[in-house]
């Protein structure tokens, strides 16, 4: 039983690491759906092999009910390799505005976020990948009544669904 299990693992894992992905090459594009504290829809464009520029928009953040906030995000992701399972690292700037935040929210008005992320991108199909990421953020909030609301968030995470074309 153990030899059969070993053969199955080799056939499933090895091709995933050896298969090159043309989707990470220069001039390729993708659409990204991200689930994190703010759901984002974004588009990416590879400026060069393994380096993607990504810009997107998100609506309603931090689970604030009755919020009509909007977030705009732009960043770069660097992919280390072109295999089915590829690690990446990146940074981004995010501007959010939330004019109708609840009184219990930690911020009102607008905020600027500088973030970094690290993660793994896994191609399920040649043109479809799932990525998971973790990272940190530095938030510059518009202060509430005499409250300095600048803070460093030590941990963020996200799940991304990417369609390459």
C-alpha atoms as a PDB file:
ATOM      1  CA  UNK A   1       0.000   0.000   0.000  1.00  0.00           C
ATOM      2  CA  UNK A   2       2.821   2.427   0.836  1.00  0.00           C
ATOM      3  CA  UNK A   3       4.507   2.105  -2.606  1.00  0.00           C
ATOM      4  CA  UNK A   4       1.200   2.857  -4.337  1.00  0.00           C
ATOM      5  CA  UNK A   5       0.650   5.902  -2.139  1.00  0.00           C
ATOM      6  CA  UNK A   6       4.190   7.093  -2.895  1.00  0.00           C
ATOM      7  CA  UNK A   7       3.631   6.755  -6.655  1.00  0.00           C
ATOM      8  CA  UNK A   8       0.338   8.668  -6.437  1.00  0.00           C
ATOM      9  CA  UNK A   9       2.010  11.487  -4.494  1.00  0.00           C
ATOM     10  CA  UNK A  10       4.866  11.703  -7.015  1.00  0.00           C
ATOM     11  CA  UNK A  11       2.413  11.903  -9.953  1.00  0.00           C
ATOM     12  CA  UNK A  12       0.371  14.621  -8.240  1.00  0.00           C
ATOM     13  CA  UNK A  13       3.110  16.780  -6.731  1.00  0.00           C
ATOM     14  CA  UNK A  14       6.099  16.628  -9.103  1.00  0.00           C
ATOM     15  CA  UNK A  15       4.272  17.834 -12.244  1.00  0.00           C
ATOM     16  CA  UNK A  16       2.930  20.757 -10.245  1.00  0.00           C
ATOM     17  CA  UNK A  17       6.421  21.948  -9.421  1.00  0.00           C
ATOM     18  CA  UNK A  18       7.872  21.293 -12.871  1.00  0.00           C
ATOM     19  CA  UNK A  19       5.078  22.744 -14.985  1.00  0.00           C
ATOM     20  CA  UNK A  20       5.958  26.248 -16.164  1.00  0.00           C
ATOM     21  CA  UNK A  21       3.151  28.766 -16.185  1.00  0.00           C
ATOM     22  CA  UNK A  22       2.974  31.081 -19.197  1.00  0.00           C
ATOM     23  CA  UNK A  23       0.432  33.150 -17.251  1.00  0.00           C
ATOM     24  CA  UNK A  24       3.235  34.832 -15.248  1.00  0.00           C
ATOM     25  CA  UNK A  25       4.971  36.212 -18.348  1.00  0.00           C
ATOM     26  CA  UNK A  26       5.258  39.814 -19.548  1.00  0.00           C
ATOM     27  CA  UNK A  27       2.113  41.365 -21.099  1.00  0.00           C
ATOM     28  CA  UNK A  28      -0.235  38.782 -19.518  1.00  0.00           C
ATOM     29  CA  UNK A  29      -3.355  40.062 -17.758  1.00  0.00           C
ATOM     30  CA  UNK A  30      -5.613  38.745 -15.010  1.00  0.00           C
ATOM     31  CA  UNK A  31      -8.753  39.533 -13.051  1.00  0.00           C
ATOM     32  CA  UNK A  32      -8.515  39.035  -9.302  1.00  0.00           C
ATOM     33  CA  UNK A  33     -11.314  38.523  -6.744  1.00  0.00           C
ATOM     34  CA  UNK A  34      -9.951  38.997  -3.228  1.00  0.00           C
ATOM     35  CA  UNK A  35     -11.623  38.095   0.051  1.00  0.00           C
ATOM     36  CA  UNK A  36     -10.091  39.868   3.029  1.00  0.00           C
ATOM     37  CA  UNK A  37     -11.377  42.575   5.383  1.00  0.00           C
ATOM     38  CA  UNK A  38     -12.566  44.328   2.215  1.00  0.00           C
ATOM     39  CA  UNK A  39     -13.753  42.322  -0.772  1.00  0.00           C
ATOM     40  CA  UNK A  40     -11.819  43.613  -3.790  1.00  0.00           C
ATOM     41  CA  UNK A  41     -12.109  43.218  -7.533  1.00  0.00           C
ATOM     42  CA  UNK A  42      -8.916  44.104  -9.337  1.00  0.00           C
ATOM     43  CA  UNK A  43      -7.041  43.647 -12.570  1.00  0.00           C
ATOM     44  CA  UNK A  44      -3.367  42.900 -13.030  1.00  0.00           C
ATOM     45  CA  UNK A  45      -0.868  43.357 -15.825  1.00  0.00           C
ATOM     46  CA  UNK A  46       2.616  41.808 -15.965  1.00  0.00           C
ATOM     47  CA  UNK A  47       5.116  44.596 -16.620  1.00  0.00           C
ATOM     48  CA  UNK A  48       7.863  41.988 -17.003  1.00  0.00           C
ATOM     49  CA  UNK A  49       8.212  38.269 -16.325  1.00  0.00           C
ATOM     50  CA  UNK A  50       7.104  37.657 -12.747  1.00  0.00           C
ATOM     51  CA  UNK A  51       6.293  41.318 -11.898  1.00  0.00           C
ATOM     52  CA  UNK A  52       2.632  42.366 -11.935  1.00  0.00           C
ATOM     53  CA  UNK A  53       1.010  45.756 -11.449  1.00  0.00           C
ATOM     54  CA  UNK A  54      -2.422  45.387  -9.838  1.00  0.00           C
ATOM     55  CA  UNK A  55      -5.166  47.979  -9.319  1.00  0.00           C
ATOM     56  CA  UNK A  56      -8.617  47.470  -7.893  1.00  0.00           C
ATOM     57  CA  UNK A  57     -11.725  48.692  -6.126  1.00  0.00           C
ATOM     58  CA  UNK A  58     -13.445  47.489  -2.959  1.00  0.00           C
ATOM     59  CA  UNK A  59     -16.757  48.287  -1.300  1.00  0.00           C
ATOM     60  CA  UNK A  60     -17.698  48.313   2.424  1.00  0.00           C
ATOM     61  CA  UNK A  61     -14.839  47.457   4.786  1.00  0.00           C
ATOM     62  CA  UNK A  62     -14.345  45.989   8.253  1.00  0.00           C
ATOM     63  CA  UNK A  63     -17.848  44.511   8.234  1.00  0.00           C
ATOM     64  CA  UNK A  64     -19.382  47.880   9.101  1.00  0.00           C
ATOM     65  CA  UNK A  65     -23.124  47.601   8.590  1.00  0.00           C
ATOM     66  CA  UNK A  66     -24.870  50.427   6.693  1.00  0.00           C
ATOM     67  CA  UNK A  67     -21.551  51.584   5.331  1.00  0.00           C
ATOM     68  CA  UNK A  68     -21.207  52.898   1.820  1.00  0.00           C
ATOM     69  CA  UNK A  69     -17.414  53.083   1.822  1.00  0.00           C
ATOM     70  CA  UNK A  70     -15.135  52.727  -1.142  1.00  0.00           C
ATOM     71  CA  UNK A  71     -11.512  51.574  -1.383  1.00  0.00           C
ATOM     72  CA  UNK A  72      -8.993  52.073  -4.198  1.00  0.00           C
ATOM     73  CA  UNK A  73      -5.861  49.928  -4.228  1.00  0.00           C
ATOM     74  CA  UNK A  74      -2.706  49.845  -6.372  1.00  0.00           C
ATOM     75  CA  UNK A  75       0.336  47.645  -5.882  1.00  0.00           C
ATOM     76  CA  UNK A  76       3.082  45.432  -7.269  1.00  0.00           C
ATOM     77  CA  UNK A  77       3.492  41.666  -6.845  1.00  0.00           C
ATOM     78  CA  UNK A  78       6.760  39.842  -7.561  1.00  0.00           C
ATOM     79  CA  UNK A  79       6.523  36.103  -8.326  1.00  0.00           C
ATOM     80  CA  UNK A  80       9.535  33.923  -7.563  1.00  0.00           C
ATOM     81  CA  UNK A  81       9.465  31.288 -10.292  1.00  0.00           C
ATOM     82  CA  UNK A  82       6.948  30.114 -12.854  1.00  0.00           C
ATOM     83  CA  UNK A  83       5.729  26.782 -11.537  1.00  0.00           C
ATOM     84  CA  UNK A  84       2.248  25.597 -10.635  1.00  0.00           C
ATOM     85  CA  UNK A  85       2.930  26.546  -6.986  1.00  0.00           C
ATOM     86  CA  UNK A  86       4.709  29.908  -6.948  1.00  0.00           C
ATOM     87  CA  UNK A  87       5.577  32.091  -3.953  1.00  0.00           C
ATOM     88  CA  UNK A  88       5.113  35.843  -4.281  1.00  0.00           C
ATOM     89  CA  UNK A  89       5.683  39.040  -2.315  1.00  0.00           C
ATOM     90  CA  UNK A  90       4.291  42.484  -2.899  1.00  0.00           C
ATOM     91  CA  UNK A  91       3.350  45.866  -1.615  1.00  0.00           C
ATOM     92  CA  UNK A  92       0.396  48.166  -2.080  1.00  0.00           C
ATOM     93  CA  UNK A  93      -1.160  51.517  -1.248  1.00  0.00           C
ATOM     94  CA  UNK A  94      -4.848  51.582  -0.375  1.00  0.00           C
ATOM     95  CA  UNK A  95      -7.031  54.682  -0.040  1.00  0.00           C
ATOM     96  CA  UNK A  96     -10.436  54.228   1.612  1.00  0.00           C
ATOM     97  CA  UNK A  97     -13.235  56.690   2.202  1.00  0.00           C
ATOM     98  CA  UNK A  98     -16.187  55.978   4.469  1.00  0.00           C
ATOM     99  CA  UNK A  99     -18.396  59.038   5.030  1.00  0.00           C
ATOM    100  CA  UNK A 100     -21.168  57.166   6.861  1.00  0.00           C
ATOM    101  CA  UNK A 101     -19.186  54.935   9.222  1.00  0.00           C
ATOM    102  CA  UNK A 102     -20.992  53.872  12.367  1.00  0.00           C
ATOM    103  CA  UNK A 103     -20.223  55.837  15.518  1.00  0.00           C
ATOM    104  CA  UNK A 104     -18.563  52.715  16.958  1.00  0.00           C
ATOM    105  CA  UNK A 105     -16.127  52.471  14.019  1.00  0.00           C
ATOM    106  CA  UNK A 106     -12.475  53.215  14.770  1.00  0.00           C
ATOM    107  CA  UNK A 107     -12.326  55.761  11.956  1.00  0.00           C
ATOM    108  CA  UNK A 108     -14.507  58.116   9.943  1.00  0.00           C
ATOM    109  CA  UNK A 109     -13.808  59.905   6.717  1.00  0.00           C
ATOM    110  CA  UNK A 110     -10.764  58.527   4.955  1.00  0.00           C
ATOM    111  CA  UNK A 111      -7.645  56.498   5.562  1.00  0.00           C
ATOM    112  CA  UNK A 112      -4.459  55.637   3.746  1.00  0.00           C
ATOM    113  CA  UNK A 113      -2.903  52.195   4.118  1.00  0.00           C
ATOM    114  CA  UNK A 114       0.603  51.042   3.182  1.00  0.00           C
ATOM    115  CA  UNK A 115       0.798  47.264   3.126  1.00  0.00           C
ATOM    116  CA  UNK A 116       3.038  44.358   2.341  1.00  0.00           C
ATOM    117  CA  UNK A 117       2.078  40.757   1.643  1.00  0.00           C
ATOM    118  CA  UNK A 118       3.652  37.359   1.145  1.00  0.00           C
ATOM    119  CA  UNK A 119       1.906  34.331  -0.211  1.00  0.00           C
ATOM    120  CA  UNK A 120       1.561  31.333  -2.488  1.00  0.00           C
ATOM    121  CA  UNK A 121      -0.150  31.231  -5.878  1.00  0.00           C
ATOM    122  CA  UNK A 122      -1.396  27.798  -6.976  1.00  0.00           C
ATOM    123  CA  UNK A 123      -2.585  27.151 -10.543  1.00  0.00           C
ATOM    124  CA  UNK A 124      -5.502  24.738 -10.497  1.00  0.00           C
ATOM    125  CA  UNK A 125      -5.899  25.130 -14.268  1.00  0.00           C
ATOM    126  CA  UNK A 126      -3.601  26.808 -16.789  1.00  0.00           C
ATOM    127  CA  UNK A 127      -5.601  30.046 -16.547  1.00  0.00           C
ATOM    128  CA  UNK A 128      -7.076  29.838 -13.044  1.00  0.00           C
ATOM    129  CA  UNK A 129      -5.190  30.180  -9.760  1.00  0.00           C
ATOM    130  CA  UNK A 130      -5.973  30.454  -6.065  1.00  0.00           C
ATOM    131  CA  UNK A 131      -3.631  32.475  -3.886  1.00  0.00           C
ATOM    132  CA  UNK A 132      -3.374  32.894  -0.150  1.00  0.00           C
ATOM    133  CA  UNK A 133      -1.452  35.733   1.459  1.00  0.00           C
ATOM    134  CA  UNK A 134      -0.439  37.122   4.825  1.00  0.00           C
ATOM    135  CA  UNK A 135       1.111  40.471   5.600  1.00  0.00           C
ATOM    136  CA  UNK A 136       1.141  43.668   7.579  1.00  0.00           C
ATOM    137  CA  UNK A 137      -0.294  47.144   7.170  1.00  0.00           C
ATOM    138  CA  UNK A 138       0.422  50.647   8.399  1.00  0.00           C
ATOM    139  CA  UNK A 139      -2.834  52.659   8.631  1.00  0.00           C
ATOM    140  CA  UNK A 140      -3.090  56.444   8.607  1.00  0.00           C
ATOM    141  CA  UNK A 141      -6.679  57.195   9.613  1.00  0.00           C
ATOM    142  CA  UNK A 142      -8.453  60.516   9.649  1.00  0.00           C
ATOM    143  CA  UNK A 143      -8.710  60.984  13.421  1.00  0.00           C
ATOM    144  CA  UNK A 144     -11.946  60.894  15.373  1.00  0.00           C
ATOM    145  CA  UNK A 145     -12.570  63.519  18.045  1.00  0.00           C
ATOM    146  CA  UNK A 146      -9.061  64.248  19.421  1.00  0.00           C
ATOM    147  CA  UNK A 147      -7.938  60.674  18.840  1.00  0.00           C
ATOM    148  CA  UNK A 148      -4.759  59.830  16.969  1.00  0.00           C
ATOM    149  CA  UNK A 149      -5.812  56.795  14.993  1.00  0.00           C
ATOM    150  CA  UNK A 150      -2.579  55.893  13.227  1.00  0.00           C
ATOM    151  CA  UNK A 151      -1.758  52.249  13.845  1.00  0.00           C
ATOM    152  CA  UNK A 152       0.296  49.310  12.656  1.00  0.00           C
ATOM    153  CA  UNK A 153      -1.689  46.190  11.938  1.00  0.00           C
ATOM    154  CA  UNK A 154       0.632  43.290  12.558  1.00  0.00           C
ATOM    155  CA  UNK A 155      -1.276  40.688  10.581  1.00  0.00           C
ATOM    156  CA  UNK A 156      -3.555  40.625   7.570  1.00  0.00           C
ATOM    157  CA  UNK A 157      -4.624  37.738   5.406  1.00  0.00           C
ATOM    158  CA  UNK A 158      -6.467  37.230   2.169  1.00  0.00           C
ATOM    159  CA  UNK A 159      -7.721  34.640  -0.275  1.00  0.00           C
ATOM    160  CA  UNK A 160      -7.577  35.435  -3.997  1.00  0.00           C
ATOM    161  CA  UNK A 161      -9.164  33.855  -7.063  1.00  0.00           C
ATOM    162  CA  UNK A 162      -7.350  34.800 -10.266  1.00  0.00           C
ATOM    163  CA  UNK A 163      -8.405  34.349 -13.890  1.00  0.00           C
ATOM    164  CA  UNK A 164      -5.543  34.812 -16.383  1.00  0.00           C
ATOM    165  CA  UNK A 165      -6.033  35.701 -20.044  1.00  0.00           C
END
